[in-house]
PDB file of N, CA and C in Angstrom:
ATOM      1  N   MET A   1     -37.822  18.371   5.665  1.00  0.00           N
ATOM      2  CA  MET A   1     -38.659  17.752   6.004  1.00  0.00           C
ATOM      3  C   MET A   1     -38.529  17.621   7.343  1.00  0.00           C
ATOM      4  N   ASP A   2     -39.438  17.447   8.515  1.00  0.00           N
ATOM      5  CA  ASP A   2     -39.437  18.118   9.736  1.00  0.00           C
ATOM      6  C   ASP A   2     -39.402  16.604  10.608  1.00  0.00           C
ATOM      7  N   THR A   3     -39.072  16.667  11.619  1.00  0.00           N
ATOM      8  CA  THR A   3     -39.133  15.034  12.484  1.00  0.00           C
ATOM      9  C   THR A   3     -40.593  14.286  12.651  1.00  0.00           C
ATOM     10  N   ALA A   4     -41.727  15.205  12.623  1.00  0.00           N
ATOM     11  CA  ALA A   4     -43.068  14.681  12.576  1.00  0.00           C
ATOM     12  C   ALA A   4     -43.479  14.058  11.164  1.00  0.00           C
ATOM     13  N   ASN A   5     -43.055  14.615  10.181  1.00  0.00           N
ATOM     14  CA  ASN A   5     -43.253  14.364   8.577  1.00  0.00           C
ATOM     15  C   ASN A   5     -42.511  12.901   8.962  1.00  0.00           C
ATOM     16  N   LEU A   6     -41.232  13.092   9.245  1.00  0.00           N
ATOM     17  CA  LEU A   6     -40.313  11.704   9.632  1.00  0.00           C
ATOM     18  C   LEU A   6     -40.732  10.926  10.332  1.00  0.00           C
ATOM     19  N   THR A   7     -41.554  10.689  11.358  1.00  0.00           N
ATOM     20  CA  THR A   7     -42.113  10.109  12.063  1.00  0.00           C
ATOM     21  C   THR A   7     -43.459   9.251  11.161  1.00  0.00           C
ATOM     22  N   THR A   8     -44.273   9.760  10.672  1.00  0.00           N
ATOM     23  CA  THR A   8     -45.546   9.654   9.825  1.00  0.00           C
ATOM     24  C   THR A   8     -44.910   8.760   8.801  1.00  0.00           C
ATOM     25  N   LEU A   9     -43.639   9.089   7.926  1.00  0.00           N
ATOM     26  CA  LEU A   9     -43.441   8.109   6.936  1.00  0.00           C
ATOM     27  C   LEU A   9     -42.645   6.999   7.312  1.00  0.00           C
ATOM     28  N   ARG A  10     -41.857   7.078   8.324  1.00  0.00           N
ATOM     29  CA  ARG A  10     -41.521   5.524   8.511  1.00  0.00           C
ATOM     30  C   ARG A  10     -42.665   4.917   9.150  1.00  0.00           C
ATOM     31  N   GLY A  11     -43.775   5.621   9.815  1.00  0.00           N
ATOM     32  CA  GLY A  11     -44.805   4.621  10.052  1.00  0.00           C
ATOM     33  C   GLY A  11     -45.757   4.059   9.084  1.00  0.00           C
ATOM     34  N   LEU A  12     -45.293   4.661   7.727  1.00  0.00           N
ATOM     35  CA  LEU A  12     -46.314   4.121   6.575  1.00  0.00           C
ATOM     36  C   LEU A  12     -45.324   3.182   5.808  1.00  0.00           C
ATOM     37  N   ALA A  13     -43.766   3.027   5.855  1.00  0.00           N
ATOM     38  CA  ALA A  13     -43.246   2.530   4.913  1.00  0.00           C
ATOM     39  C   ALA A  13     -42.925   1.497   5.628  1.00  0.00           C
ATOM     40  N   ASP A  14     -42.276   0.086   4.751  1.00  0.00           N
ATOM     41  CA  ASP A  14     -42.201  -1.270   4.969  1.00  0.00           C
ATOM     42  C   ASP A  14     -40.951  -1.174   5.705  1.00  0.00           C
ATOM     43  N   LYS A  15     -40.606  -2.645   6.291  1.00  0.00           N
ATOM     44  CA  LYS A  15     -39.490  -2.683   7.190  1.00  0.00           C
ATOM     45  C   LYS A  15     -38.384  -2.249   6.670  1.00  0.00           C
ATOM     46  N   ALA A  16     -38.029  -2.445   5.270  1.00  0.00           N
ATOM     47  CA  ALA A  16     -36.830  -2.543   4.505  1.00  0.00           C
ATOM     48  C   ALA A  16     -36.687  -0.986   3.695  1.00  0.00           C
ATOM     49  N   THR A  17     -37.654  -0.024   3.678  1.00  0.00           N
ATOM     50  CA  THR A  17     -37.874   1.446   3.621  1.00  0.00           C
ATOM     51  C   THR A  17     -37.334   1.800   4.532  1.00  0.00           C
ATOM     52  N   ALA A  18     -37.982   2.144   5.717  1.00  0.00           N
ATOM     53  CA  ALA A  18     -38.255   2.602   6.970  1.00  0.00           C
ATOM     54  C   ALA A  18     -36.939   3.412   7.249  1.00  0.00           C
ATOM     55  N   PRO A  19     -35.872   2.488   7.503  1.00  0.00           N
ATOM     56  CA  PRO A  19     -34.516   2.837   7.864  1.00  0.00           C
ATOM     57  C   PRO A  19     -33.676   4.093   6.896  1.00  0.00           C
ATOM     58  N   LYS A  20     -34.388   3.758   5.707  1.00  0.00           N
ATOM     59  CA  LYS A  20     -33.626   4.666   4.689  1.00  0.00           C
ATOM     60  C   LYS A  20     -34.071   6.154   4.296  1.00  0.00           C
ATOM     61  N   LEU A  21     -35.226   6.142   5.479  1.00  0.00           N
ATOM     62  CA  LEU A  21     -35.473   7.321   5.572  1.00  0.00           C
ATOM     63  C   LEU A  21     -34.650   8.154   6.674  1.00  0.00           C
ATOM     64  N   THR A  22     -34.599   9.678   6.070  1.00  0.00           N
ATOM     65  CA  THR A  22     -34.058  10.556   7.016  1.00  0.00           C
ATOM     66  C   THR A  22     -34.320  11.862   7.194  1.00  0.00           C
ATOM     67  N   LEU A  23     -33.644  12.738   7.889  1.00  0.00           N
ATOM     68  CA  LEU A  23     -34.407  14.062   7.561  1.00  0.00           C
ATOM     69  C   LEU A  23     -32.929  14.975   6.555  1.00  0.00           C
ATOM     70  N   TYR A  24     -33.661  15.500   6.071  1.00  0.00           N
ATOM     71  CA  TYR A  24     -32.996  16.055   4.693  1.00  0.00           C
ATOM     72  C   TYR A  24     -31.658  16.688   5.416  1.00  0.00           C
ATOM     73  N   LEU A  25     -31.662  17.810   6.419  1.00  0.00           N
ATOM     74  CA  LEU A  25     -30.431  17.917   6.995  1.00  0.00           C
ATOM     75  C   LEU A  25     -29.871  17.130   7.797  1.00  0.00           C
ATOM     76  N   VAL A  26     -30.157  15.903   7.808  1.00  0.00           N
ATOM     77  CA  VAL A  26     -29.745  15.007   8.828  1.00  0.00           C
ATOM     78  C   VAL A  26     -29.665  15.223  10.585  1.00  0.00           C
ATOM     79  N   ASP A  27     -29.413  16.446  10.784  1.00  0.00           N
ATOM     80  CA  ASP A  27     -28.997  17.035  11.886  1.00  0.00           C
ATOM     81  C   ASP A  27     -30.073  18.121  12.807  1.00  0.00           C
ATOM     82  N   ARG A  28     -31.313  18.591  11.559  1.00  0.00           N
ATOM     83  CA  ARG A  28     -32.343  19.267  12.124  1.00  0.00           C
ATOM     84  C   ARG A  28     -33.200  19.119  11.131  1.00  0.00           C
ATOM     85  N   ASP A  29     -34.422  19.835  11.479  1.00  0.00           N
ATOM     86  CA  ASP A  29     -35.711  20.127  10.640  1.00  0.00           C
ATOM     87  C   ASP A  29     -35.681  21.073   9.682  1.00  0.00           C
ATOM     88  N   VAL A  30     -36.353  21.061   8.582  1.00  0.00           N
ATOM     89  CA  VAL A  30     -36.389  22.060   7.979  1.00  0.00           C
ATOM     90  C   VAL A  30     -37.736  22.277   8.129  1.00  0.00           C
ATOM     91  N   PRO A  31     -37.554  24.022   8.398  1.00  0.00           N
ATOM     92  CA  PRO A  31     -39.368  23.888   8.739  1.00  0.00           C
ATOM     93  C   PRO A  31     -40.146  24.170   7.479  1.00  0.00           C
ATOM     94  N   ASP A  32     -41.436  24.040   7.754  1.00  0.00           N
ATOM     95  CA  ASP A  32     -42.502  24.423   6.640  1.00  0.00           C
ATOM     96  C   ASP A  32     -42.807  26.145   6.841  1.00  0.00           C
ATOM     97  N   PRO A  33     -42.551  26.595   6.000  1.00  0.00           N
ATOM     98  CA  PRO A  33     -42.905  27.946   5.751  1.00  0.00           C
ATOM     99  C   PRO A  33     -43.881  28.276   5.550  1.00  0.00           C
ATOM    100  N   TRP A  34     -45.006  27.704   5.270  1.00  0.00           N
ATOM    101  CA  TRP A  34     -46.135  27.971   4.574  1.00  0.00           C
ATOM    102  C   TRP A  34     -46.845  29.044   5.535  1.00  0.00           C
ATOM    103  N   GLY A  35     -47.424  29.806   5.083  1.00  0.00           N
ATOM    104  CA  GLY A  35     -48.233  30.912   5.862  1.00  0.00           C
ATOM    105  C   GLY A  35     -47.202  31.656   6.411  1.00  0.00           C
ATOM    106  N   LYS A  36     -46.254  31.630   6.696  1.00  0.00           N
ATOM    107  CA  LYS A  36     -45.405  32.873   6.980  1.00  0.00           C
ATOM    108  C   LYS A  36     -44.897  33.776   6.425  1.00  0.00           C
ATOM    109  N   GLU A  37     -43.840  34.309   6.839  1.00  0.00           N
ATOM    110  CA  GLU A  37     -43.461  35.971   6.116  1.00  0.00           C
ATOM    111  C   GLU A  37     -42.252  35.542   4.943  1.00  0.00           C
ATOM    112  N   PRO A  38     -42.077  36.202   4.015  1.00  0.00           N
ATOM    113  CA  PRO A  38     -41.174  36.226   2.743  1.00  0.00           C
ATOM    114  C   PRO A  38     -39.829  35.634   3.375  1.00  0.00           C
ATOM    115  N   ASP A  39     -39.481  36.470   4.365  1.00  0.00           N
ATOM    116  CA  ASP A  39     -37.922  36.081   4.689  1.00  0.00           C
ATOM    117  C   ASP A  39     -37.699  34.851   5.771  1.00  0.00           C
ATOM    118  N   VAL A  40     -38.912  34.274   6.204  1.00  0.00           N
ATOM    119  CA  VAL A  40     -38.836  32.710   6.662  1.00  0.00           C
ATOM    120  C   VAL A  40     -38.724  31.745   5.330  1.00  0.00           C
ATOM    121  N   PHE A  41     -39.361  32.210   4.166  1.00  0.00           N
ATOM    122  CA  PHE A  41     -39.302  31.624   2.996  1.00  0.00           C
ATOM    123  C   PHE A  41     -37.943  31.125   2.428  1.00  0.00           C
ATOM    124  N   ALA A  42     -37.379  32.543   2.609  1.00  0.00           N
ATOM    125  CA  ALA A  42     -35.741  32.834   1.986  1.00  0.00           C
ATOM    126  C   ALA A  42     -34.949  31.905   3.230  1.00  0.00           C
ATOM    127  N   ASP A  43     -35.213  31.953   4.236  1.00  0.00           N
ATOM    128  CA  ASP A  43     -34.131  31.226   5.163  1.00  0.00           C
ATOM    129  C   ASP A  43     -34.285  29.897   4.754  1.00  0.00           C
ATOM    130  N   VAL A  44     -35.672  29.119   4.642  1.00  0.00           N
ATOM    131  CA  VAL A  44     -35.981  27.861   4.324  1.00  0.00           C
ATOM    132  C   VAL A  44     -35.183  27.165   2.832  1.00  0.00           C
ATOM    133  N   ALA A  45     -35.177  28.142   2.010  1.00  0.00           N
ATOM    134  CA  ALA A  45     -34.489  28.191   0.902  1.00  0.00           C
ATOM    135  C   ALA A  45     -33.264  27.961   1.036  1.00  0.00           C
ATOM    136  N   ARG A  46     -33.157  28.913   2.007  1.00  0.00           N
ATOM    137  CA  ARG A  46     -30.847  28.972   1.957  1.00  0.00           C
ATOM    138  C   ARG A  46     -30.487  27.397   2.702  1.00  0.00           C
ATOM    139  N   LEU A  47     -31.775  27.117   3.502  1.00  0.00           N
ATOM    140  CA  LEU A  47     -31.356  25.645   4.588  1.00  0.00           C
ATOM    141  C   LEU A  47     -31.590  24.529   3.230  1.00  0.00           C
ATOM    142  N   ILE A  48     -32.258  24.516   2.453  1.00  0.00           N
ATOM    143  CA  ILE A  48     -32.444  23.560   1.436  1.00  0.00           C
ATOM    144  C   ILE A  48     -31.141  23.552   0.543  1.00  0.00           C
ATOM    145  N   GLN A  49     -31.136  24.563   0.100  1.00  0.00           N
ATOM    146  CA  GLN A  49     -29.547  25.096  -0.549  1.00  0.00           C
ATOM    147  C   GLN A  49     -28.004  24.143  -0.431  1.00  0.00           C
ATOM    148  N   ASP A  50     -28.224  24.589   0.969  1.00  0.00           N
ATOM    149  CA  ASP A  50     -27.215  24.286   1.851  1.00  0.00           C
ATOM    150  C   ASP A  50     -26.655  22.455   2.289  1.00  0.00           C
ATOM    151  N   GLY A  51     -28.214  21.772   2.157  1.00  0.00           N
ATOM    152  CA  GLY A  51     -28.118  20.777   1.908  1.00  0.00           C
ATOM    153  C   GLY A  51     -27.937  19.728   0.893  1.00  0.00           C
ATOM    154  N   ALA A  52     -28.303  20.371  -0.139  1.00  0.00           N
ATOM    155  CA  ALA A  52     -28.521  19.892  -1.559  1.00  0.00           C
ATOM    156  C   ALA A  52     -27.241  19.252  -2.193  1.00  0.00           C
ATOM    157  N   PRO A  53     -25.746  19.773  -1.279  1.00  0.00           N
ATOM    158  CA  PRO A  53     -24.775  18.776  -1.965  1.00  0.00           C
ATOM    159  C   PRO A  53     -24.798  17.111  -1.387  1.00  0.00           C
ATOM    160  N   ARG A  54     -25.499  17.187  -0.056  1.00  0.00           N
ATOM    161  CA  ARG A  54     -25.597  15.414   0.148  1.00  0.00           C
ATOM    162  C   ARG A  54     -26.562  14.626  -0.608  1.00  0.00           C
ATOM    163  N   HIS A  55     -27.412  15.274  -0.939  1.00  0.00           N
ATOM    164  CA  HIS A  55     -28.446  14.796  -2.114  1.00  0.00           C
ATOM    165  C   HIS A  55     -28.056  14.213  -3.432  1.00  0.00           C
ATOM    166  N   LEU A  56     -27.075  15.128  -3.756  1.00  0.00           N
ATOM    167  CA  LEU A  56     -26.378  15.298  -5.447  1.00  0.00           C
ATOM    168  C   LEU A  56     -24.884  14.465  -5.686  1.00  0.00           C
ATOM    169  N   PRO A  57     -24.978  13.780  -6.626  1.00  0.00           N
ATOM    170  CA  PRO A  57     -23.774  13.760  -7.011  1.00  0.00           C
ATOM    171  C   PRO A  57     -22.136  14.222  -7.383  1.00  0.00           C
TER     172      PRO A  57
END
């Protein structure tokens, strides 16, 4: 998720939920690779894999 998506979601969420929404990687965006070259998809996949431990038990 990137900052623009997070802002939109927080605007749609209720007061109790909005503060719980965060960026997937906390300190940086996960860019949308749609329409980009395959190497960009691979870079985004690595970012997601690197961030996964934060979200898994």
